[in-house]
Amino acid sequence: MEFVIWLIITTLTIIPMLKLLPHFGIEKYWAAVCIVPIGALALIWWMAIKLQDMEKR
């Protein structure tokens, strides 16, 4: 049962990342990092840094 919950949460995280990452100039295949919970946090951090860079321009 825990695996099913993990799979649902992972899927619900990967799908939005697939749509958001290209807007930040990051390749879509990096969404696979969301399989690991720390990976999702790292991607959010990376996107925040890219957003700051985009706002400076």
PDB file of N, CA and C in Angstrom:
ATOM      1  N   MET A   1       0.820  -1.197   0.000  1.00  0.00           N
ATOM      2  CA  MET A   1       0.000   0.000   0.000  1.00  0.00           C
ATOM      3  C   MET A   1       0.867   1.266   0.000  1.00  0.00           C
ATOM      4  N   GLU A   2       1.963   1.231   0.742  1.00  0.00           N
ATOM      5  CA  GLU A   2       2.826   2.405   0.793  1.00  0.00           C
ATOM      6  C   GLU A   2       3.435   2.698  -0.565  1.00  0.00           C
ATOM      7  N   PHE A   3       3.734   1.638  -1.322  1.00  0.00           N
ATOM      8  CA  PHE A   3       4.296   1.825  -2.656  1.00  0.00           C
ATOM      9  C   PHE A   3       3.308   2.532  -3.566  1.00  0.00           C
ATOM     10  N   VAL A   4       2.031   2.183  -3.440  1.00  0.00           N
ATOM     11  CA  VAL A   4       0.995   2.806  -4.275  1.00  0.00           C
ATOM     12  C   VAL A   4       0.889   4.297  -3.949  1.00  0.00           C
ATOM     13  N   ILE A   5       0.939   4.632  -2.677  1.00  0.00           N
ATOM     14  CA  ILE A   5       0.874   6.038  -2.272  1.00  0.00           C
ATOM     15  C   ILE A   5       2.087   6.790  -2.793  1.00  0.00           C
ATOM     16  N   TRP A   6       3.284   6.187  -2.663  1.00  0.00           N
ATOM     17  CA  TRP A   6       4.506   6.805  -3.174  1.00  0.00           C
ATOM     18  C   TRP A   6       4.413   7.009  -4.684  1.00  0.00           C
ATOM     19  N   LEU A   7       3.876   6.010  -5.392  1.00  0.00           N
ATOM     20  CA  LEU A   7       3.744   6.092  -6.847  1.00  0.00           C
ATOM     21  C   LEU A   7       2.791   7.218  -7.250  1.00  0.00           C
ATOM     22  N   ILE A   8       1.708   7.376  -6.534  1.00  0.00           N
ATOM     23  CA  ILE A   8       0.744   8.439  -6.833  1.00  0.00           C
ATOM     24  C   ILE A   8       1.374   9.814  -6.601  1.00  0.00           C
ATOM     25  N   ILE A   9       2.048   9.974  -5.470  1.00  0.00           N
ATOM     26  CA  ILE A   9       2.680  11.257  -5.164  1.00  0.00           C
ATOM     27  C   ILE A   9       3.766  11.580  -6.179  1.00  0.00           C
ATOM     28  N   THR A  10       4.549  10.573  -6.554  1.00  0.00           N
ATOM     29  CA  THR A  10       5.605  10.786  -7.550  1.00  0.00           C
ATOM     30  C   THR A  10       5.015  11.209  -8.889  1.00  0.00           C
ATOM     31  N   THR A  11       3.959  10.553  -9.308  1.00  0.00           N
ATOM     32  CA  THR A  11       3.302  10.895 -10.571  1.00  0.00           C
ATOM     33  C   THR A  11       2.737  12.311 -10.523  1.00  0.00           C
ATOM     34  N   LEU A  12       2.125  12.654  -9.405  1.00  0.00           N
ATOM     35  CA  LEU A  12       1.556  13.990  -9.270  1.00  0.00           C
ATOM     36  C   LEU A  12       2.630  15.073  -9.183  1.00  0.00           C
ATOM     37  N   THR A  13       3.849  14.699  -8.917  1.00  0.00           N
ATOM     38  CA  THR A  13       4.957  15.653  -8.910  1.00  0.00           C
ATOM     39  C   THR A  13       5.628  15.749 -10.270  1.00  0.00           C
ATOM     40  N   ILE A  14       5.785  14.631 -10.944  1.00  0.00           N
ATOM     41  CA  ILE A  14       6.489  14.608 -12.225  1.00  0.00           C
ATOM     42  C   ILE A  14       5.700  15.327 -13.322  1.00  0.00           C
ATOM     43  N   ILE A  15       4.399  15.136 -13.362  1.00  0.00           N
ATOM     44  CA  ILE A  15       3.587  15.727 -14.434  1.00  0.00           C
ATOM     45  C   ILE A  15       3.706  17.260 -14.470  1.00  0.00           C
ATOM     46  N   PRO A  16       3.543  17.969 -13.343  1.00  0.00           N
ATOM     47  CA  PRO A  16       3.722  19.429 -13.411  1.00  0.00           C
ATOM     48  C   PRO A  16       5.158  19.829 -13.744  1.00  0.00           C
ATOM     49  N   MET A  17       6.127  19.046 -13.260  1.00  0.00           N
ATOM     50  CA  MET A  17       7.522  19.366 -13.561  1.00  0.00           C
ATOM     51  C   MET A  17       7.787  19.261 -15.058  1.00  0.00           C
ATOM     52  N   LEU A  18       7.172  18.294 -15.722  1.00  0.00           N
ATOM     53  CA  LEU A  18       7.344  18.159 -17.167  1.00  0.00           C
ATOM     54  C   LEU A  18       6.878  19.405 -17.904  1.00  0.00           C
ATOM     55  N   LYS A  19       5.865  20.065 -17.370  1.00  0.00           N
ATOM     56  CA  LYS A  19       5.350  21.258 -18.014  1.00  0.00           C
ATOM     57  C   LYS A  19       6.107  22.529 -17.596  1.00  0.00           C
ATOM     58  N   LEU A  20       6.609  22.558 -16.364  1.00  0.00           N
ATOM     59  CA  LEU A  20       7.264  23.767 -15.863  1.00  0.00           C
ATOM     60  C   LEU A  20       8.732  23.885 -16.256  1.00  0.00           C
ATOM     61  N   LEU A  21       9.456  22.799 -16.261  1.00  0.00           N
ATOM     62  CA  LEU A  21      10.897  22.855 -16.481  1.00  0.00           C
ATOM     63  C   LEU A  21      11.305  23.545 -17.783  1.00  0.00           C
ATOM     64  N   PRO A  22      10.646  23.293 -18.917  1.00  0.00           N
ATOM     65  CA  PRO A  22      11.062  23.990 -20.148  1.00  0.00           C
ATOM     66  C   PRO A  22      10.940  25.517 -20.060  1.00  0.00           C
ATOM     67  N   HIS A  23      10.018  26.028 -19.257  1.00  0.00           N
ATOM     68  CA  HIS A  23       9.869  27.476 -19.101  1.00  0.00           C
ATOM     69  C   HIS A  23      11.065  28.096 -18.387  1.00  0.00           C
ATOM     70  N   PHE A  24      11.784  27.273 -17.645  1.00  0.00           N
ATOM     71  CA  PHE A  24      12.954  27.749 -16.916  1.00  0.00           C
ATOM     72  C   PHE A  24      14.249  27.405 -17.637  1.00  0.00           C
ATOM     73  N   GLY A  25      14.147  26.856 -18.832  1.00  0.00           N
ATOM     74  CA  GLY A  25      15.333  26.516 -19.608  1.00  0.00           C
ATOM     75  C   GLY A  25      16.001  25.229 -19.146  1.00  0.00           C
ATOM     76  N   ILE A  26      15.251  24.361 -18.503  1.00  0.00           N
ATOM     77  CA  ILE A  26      15.777  23.083 -18.005  1.00  0.00           C
ATOM     78  C   ILE A  26      15.143  21.971 -18.827  1.00  0.00           C
ATOM     79  N   GLU A  27      15.940  21.003 -19.238  1.00  0.00           N
ATOM     80  CA  GLU A  27      15.429  19.900 -20.051  1.00  0.00           C
ATOM     81  C   GLU A  27      14.369  19.098 -19.291  1.00  0.00           C
ATOM     82  N   LYS A  28      13.390  18.564 -20.031  1.00  0.00           N
ATOM     83  CA  LYS A  28      12.292  17.809 -19.427  1.00  0.00           C
ATOM     84  C   LYS A  28      12.754  16.540 -18.719  1.00  0.00           C
ATOM     85  N   TYR A  29      13.835  15.927 -19.213  1.00  0.00           N
ATOM     86  CA  TYR A  29      14.246  14.655 -18.629  1.00  0.00           C
ATOM     87  C   TYR A  29      14.680  14.801 -17.170  1.00  0.00           C
ATOM     88  N   TRP A  30      14.940  16.010 -16.705  1.00  0.00           N
ATOM     89  CA  TRP A  30      15.291  16.219 -15.309  1.00  0.00           C
ATOM     90  C   TRP A  30      14.105  15.968 -14.386  1.00  0.00           C
ATOM     91  N   ALA A  31      12.902  15.886 -14.928  1.00  0.00           N
ATOM     92  CA  ALA A  31      11.725  15.587 -14.107  1.00  0.00           C
ATOM     93  C   ALA A  31      11.821  14.204 -13.484  1.00  0.00           C
ATOM     94  N   ALA A  32      12.627  13.324 -14.065  1.00  0.00           N
ATOM     95  CA  ALA A  32      12.799  11.987 -13.504  1.00  0.00           C
ATOM     96  C   ALA A  32      13.468  12.037 -12.139  1.00  0.00           C
ATOM     97  N   VAL A  33      14.124  13.132 -11.825  1.00  0.00           N
ATOM     98  CA  VAL A  33      14.765  13.285 -10.517  1.00  0.00           C
ATOM     99  C   VAL A  33      13.715  13.311  -9.407  1.00  0.00           C
ATOM    100  N   CYS A  34      12.468  13.610  -9.750  1.00  0.00           N
ATOM    101  CA  CYS A  34      11.395  13.675  -8.755  1.00  0.00           C
ATOM    102  C   CYS A  34      11.051  12.306  -8.174  1.00  0.00           C
ATOM    103  N   ILE A  35      11.616  11.263  -8.716  1.00  0.00           N
ATOM    104  CA  ILE A  35      11.388   9.932  -8.153  1.00  0.00           C
ATOM    105  C   ILE A  35      11.928   9.890  -6.726  1.00  0.00           C
ATOM    106  N   VAL A  36      12.993  10.624  -6.477  1.00  0.00           N
ATOM    107  CA  VAL A  36      13.567  10.733  -5.140  1.00  0.00           C
ATOM    108  C   VAL A  36      13.043  12.020  -4.512  1.00  0.00           C
ATOM    109  N   PRO A  37      12.490  11.974  -3.300  1.00  0.00           N
ATOM    110  CA  PRO A  37      11.924  13.203  -2.711  1.00  0.00           C
ATOM    111  C   PRO A  37      12.923  14.357  -2.621  1.00  0.00           C
ATOM    112  N   ILE A  38      14.162  14.084  -2.315  1.00  0.00           N
ATOM    113  CA  ILE A  38      15.164  15.145  -2.258  1.00  0.00           C
ATOM    114  C   ILE A  38      15.379  15.737  -3.654  1.00  0.00           C
ATOM    115  N   GLY A  39      15.202  14.926  -4.680  1.00  0.00           N
ATOM    116  CA  GLY A  39      15.351  15.396  -6.054  1.00  0.00           C
ATOM    117  C   GLY A  39      14.307  16.441  -6.402  1.00  0.00           C
ATOM    118  N   ALA A  40      13.085  16.249  -5.929  1.00  0.00           N
ATOM    119  CA  ALA A  40      12.036  17.237  -6.186  1.00  0.00           C
ATOM    120  C   ALA A  40      12.375  18.565  -5.513  1.00  0.00           C
ATOM    121  N   LEU A  41      12.883  18.496  -4.311  1.00  0.00           N
ATOM    122  CA  LEU A  41      13.283  19.728  -3.626  1.00  0.00           C
ATOM    123  C   LEU A  41      14.433  20.413  -4.354  1.00  0.00           C
ATOM    124  N   ALA A  42      15.367  19.628  -4.850  1.00  0.00           N
ATOM    125  CA  ALA A  42      16.498  20.193  -5.590  1.00  0.00           C
ATOM    126  C   ALA A  42      16.020  20.883  -6.865  1.00  0.00           C
ATOM    127  N   LEU A  43      15.049  20.281  -7.561  1.00  0.00           N
ATOM    128  CA  LEU A  43      14.520  20.903  -8.777  1.00  0.00           C
ATOM    129  C   LEU A  43      13.804  22.217  -8.474  1.00  0.00           C
ATOM    130  N   ILE A  44      13.054  22.235  -7.395  1.00  0.00           N
ATOM    131  CA  ILE A  44      12.367  23.474  -7.012  1.00  0.00           C
ATOM    132  C   ILE A  44      13.387  24.557  -6.694  1.00  0.00           C
ATOM    133  N   TRP A  45      14.459  24.187  -6.018  1.00  0.00           N
ATOM    134  CA  TRP A  45      15.533  25.133  -5.702  1.00  0.00           C
ATOM    135  C   TRP A  45      16.184  25.647  -6.978  1.00  0.00           C
ATOM    136  N   TRP A  46      16.461  24.742  -7.920  1.00  0.00           N
ATOM    137  CA  TRP A  46      17.078  25.105  -9.200  1.00  0.00           C
ATOM    138  C   TRP A  46      16.172  26.053  -9.980  1.00  0.00           C
ATOM    139  N   MET A  47      14.861  25.761  -9.976  1.00  0.00           N
ATOM    140  CA  MET A  47      13.917  26.621 -10.678  1.00  0.00           C
ATOM    141  C   MET A  47      13.878  28.015 -10.037  1.00  0.00           C
ATOM    142  N   ALA A  48      13.974  28.090  -8.726  1.00  0.00           N
ATOM    143  CA  ALA A  48      13.969  29.378  -8.040  1.00  0.00           C
ATOM    144  C   ALA A  48      15.200  30.204  -8.420  1.00  0.00           C
ATOM    145  N   ILE A  49      16.343  29.545  -8.523  1.00  0.00           N
ATOM    146  CA  ILE A  49      17.559  30.256  -8.933  1.00  0.00           C
ATOM    147  C   ILE A  49      17.423  30.760 -10.367  1.00  0.00           C
ATOM    148  N   LYS A  50      16.888  29.914 -11.248  1.00  0.00           N
ATOM    149  CA  LYS A  50      16.682  30.332 -12.640  1.00  0.00           C
ATOM    150  C   LYS A  50      15.711  31.508 -12.712  1.00  0.00           C
ATOM    151  N   LEU A  51      14.676  31.499 -11.869  1.00  0.00           N
ATOM    152  CA  LEU A  51      13.700  32.587 -11.862  1.00  0.00           C
ATOM    153  C   LEU A  51      14.360  33.897 -11.444  1.00  0.00           C
ATOM    154  N   GLN A  52      15.231  33.841 -10.453  1.00  0.00           N
ATOM    155  CA  GLN A  52      15.954  35.037 -10.044  1.00  0.00           C
ATOM    156  C   GLN A  52      16.823  35.571 -11.171  1.00  0.00           C
ATOM    157  N   ASP A  53      17.488  34.662 -11.886  1.00  0.00           N
ATOM    158  CA  ASP A  53      18.318  35.072 -13.028  1.00  0.00           C
ATOM    159  C   ASP A  53      17.460  35.703 -14.126  1.00  0.00           C
ATOM    160  N   MET A  54      16.279  35.133 -14.359  1.00  0.00           N
ATOM    161  CA  MET A  54      15.401  35.666 -15.408  1.00  0.00           C
ATOM    162  C   MET A  54      14.850  37.043 -15.005  1.00  0.00           C
ATOM    163  N   GLU A  55      14.619  37.259 -13.716  1.00  0.00           N
ATOM    164  CA  GLU A  55      14.103  38.549 -13.271  1.00  0.00           C
ATOM    165  C   GLU A  55      15.160  39.645 -13.365  1.00  0.00           C
ATOM    166  N   LYS A  56      16.427  39.293 -13.256  1.00  0.00           N
ATOM    167  CA  LYS A  56      17.503  40.277 -13.339  1.00  0.00           C
ATOM    168  C   LYS A  56      17.645  40.833 -14.753  1.00  0.00           C
ATOM    169  N   ARG A  57      17.252  40.067 -15.752  1.00  0.00           N
ATOM    170  CA  ARG A  57      17.407  40.496 -17.140  1.00  0.00           C
ATOM    171  C   ARG A  57      16.406  41.523 -17.544  1.00  0.00           C
TER     172      ARG A  57
END
